[in-house]
Amino acid sequence: MKKFIFLDRDGTIIQDMNYLQDKNDIIFFKNSFKTLRSLLDNDFTLVIITNQSGIGRGFFTLDTYHEVNNKFLNILNLNNISIDKVLICPHKPSDECECRKPKIKLFTDFNSNNIVDVKNSWMIGDKKSDIDFGKNCNLSTIFLKSSIVTSTKNITADFKVKRIDEILKIILNHD
C-alpha cells in the first residue's frame, strides 16, 4: 500500500477562476510547486480529484477541460512534479451522479485493488465537498481556505490552513 495525497485542483493548487476554461488563465499559488515537490520527496503519491461541473453545465467541453488540464500537468512536469492520476467528475450537481465529491465512487474505483494506505493518506481541498469526500473515504483532511469560501463554520476538516505550504508541517509531523 502507498501513501497518497488527494488534492482538489482549482482553489487548492491553482487559483479558482470560476469554471476555468482558458489554459492561459492558469495561475499557481505561491509555493504550490515547492509543497508538491516536498510531498513527493516524502514518499507520497499525488492524485488530483476534481469536480468539473462546467462541463455538465455546458460552459465548456470535455476537450476544453483536457486542454486546460494538460497544460496544468505540463507545467507541473516542467517543475519536476508528477501527478499519478487525475480523477474527474464532469457532472452538474443536479445530475446526482455517484462520482461527484463528496460521494466516493471515484475513490472506490481508484482504490479497487486496495493500494491506498488510508491511515496515512490525505485529502486537501478548498470546499466543503472536498473535506466531506475525504471524511467519507476515511482520509485525514486539510481545508485550504480560499478567497471564494467566506465561512468555514460548517467545515469539519481535521486541519484548516490559509496557504498550501502550511500543509507540509501538518502532514510531515502527523503520526
Foldseek 3Di string as FASTA:
>chain_A
DFAEEEEEDDQQQFDNPPQDQDLVPTHGDPCSLVQQVVCVVVRYAYEYEYERCCCQVVVDHPVSVCVNVVSVQVVSVVSVGHHPYYHYDHHDVVVVDQRQFPRAPSVCVVCVVVPYPQALYEFEEADLSSQSNNVVSSHQYEHAHGPVDDDCVPRDHPYYDPHNNVVCVVNVPDD
